Amino acid sequence: MRRTDKDLLVTGLKRLAFTVLLMFTAPFVLWQAFKNQDHSMFWPVCILGLVLAAYAVYMGFKGIMTIMDSMFGKK
């Protein structure tokens, strides 16, 4: 029977914790951008919010895959 790799599990949980932080930060940044559409910094802030949202999705998948690898091993 295979045992769980605890170091890899902790790494995956850290990635998921960072994902949760990004899941709150990205919508807030996008909300601030759309609230100030006539401001000159609208496009840079909007692009930053979209990048943060995409990174949150990426980190979520990476965190789940890391946790799965720690429990079941590599393919």
Protein backbone atom coordinates (compact mmCIF):
# COMPACT_ATOMS: atom_id res chain seq x y z
CA MET A 1 0.00 0.00 0.00
CA ARG A 2 1.31 3.42 -0.95
CA ARG A 3 1.65 6.16 1.67
CA THR A 4 0.86 9.84 1.26
CA ASP A 5 3.85 12.09 0.58
CA LYS A 6 3.36 14.66 3.32
CA ASP A 7 5.77 17.26 1.90
CA LEU A 8 3.99 17.22 -1.44
CA LEU A 9 0.62 17.41 0.34
CA VAL A 10 1.71 20.51 2.26
CA THR A 11 2.89 22.10 -0.99
CA GLY A 12 -0.51 21.43 -2.57
CA LEU A 13 -2.35 22.89 0.42
CA LYS A 14 -0.18 26.02 0.28
CA ARG A 15 -1.05 26.41 -3.39
CA LEU A 16 -4.74 26.10 -2.60
CA ALA A 17 -4.42 28.68 0.19
CA PHE A 18 -2.80 31.06 -2.29
CA THR A 19 -5.65 30.30 -4.70
CA VAL A 20 -8.20 31.35 -2.09
CA LEU A 21 -6.34 34.61 -1.60
CA LEU A 22 -6.36 35.22 -5.36
CA MET A 23 -10.06 34.31 -5.56
CA PHE A 24 -10.84 37.28 -3.32
CA THR A 25 -8.22 39.66 -4.72
CA ALA A 26 -8.99 39.29 -8.45
CA PRO A 27 -12.72 40.17 -8.27
CA PHE A 28 -11.93 43.10 -5.99
CA VAL A 29 -9.38 44.48 -8.47
CA LEU A 30 -11.82 43.99 -11.35
CA TRP A 31 -14.59 45.69 -9.37
CA GLN A 32 -12.33 48.67 -8.70
CA ALA A 33 -11.45 48.87 -12.39
CA PHE A 34 -15.06 48.81 -13.58
CA LYS A 35 -16.09 51.26 -10.88
CA ASN A 36 -13.62 53.82 -12.31
CA GLN A 37 -14.06 53.33 -16.05
CA ASP A 38 -13.36 56.94 -16.93
CA HIS A 39 -10.03 56.96 -15.08
CA SER A 40 -6.79 56.80 -17.06
CA MET A 41 -5.64 53.65 -15.22
CA PHE A 42 -8.76 51.67 -16.17
CA TRP A 43 -7.10 49.38 -18.72
CA PRO A 44 -3.97 48.51 -16.70
CA VAL A 45 -6.06 47.72 -13.61
CA CYS A 46 -8.57 45.72 -15.66
CA ILE A 47 -5.80 43.69 -17.29
CA LEU A 48 -4.20 43.11 -13.87
CA GLY A 49 -7.52 41.81 -12.54
CA LEU A 50 -7.95 39.46 -15.48
CA VAL A 51 -4.39 38.15 -15.08
CA LEU A 52 -4.99 37.56 -11.35
CA ALA A 53 -8.23 35.71 -12.13
CA ALA A 54 -6.51 33.49 -14.70
CA TYR A 55 -3.65 32.82 -12.26
CA ALA A 56 -6.18 31.85 -9.58
CA VAL A 57 -7.67 29.21 -11.90
CA TYR A 58 -4.18 27.96 -12.83
CA MET A 59 -3.06 27.74 -9.20
CA GLY A 60 -6.27 25.95 -8.27
CA PHE A 61 -5.63 23.24 -10.86
CA LYS A 62 -1.95 22.99 -9.90
CA GLY A 63 -2.84 22.71 -6.20
CA ILE A 64 -5.40 19.97 -6.79
CA MET A 65 -3.02 18.08 -9.07
CA THR A 66 -0.24 18.33 -6.47
CA ILE A 67 -2.53 16.96 -3.77
CA MET A 68 -3.62 14.11 -6.06
CA ASP A 69 0.03 13.31 -6.84
CA SER A 70 0.85 13.25 -3.14
CA MET A 71 -1.94 10.75 -2.44
CA PHE A 72 -1.82 8.52 -5.52
CA GLY A 73 1.66 9.07 -6.92
CA LYS A 74 2.76 10.21 -10.37
CA LYS A 75 1.28 8.63 -13.48
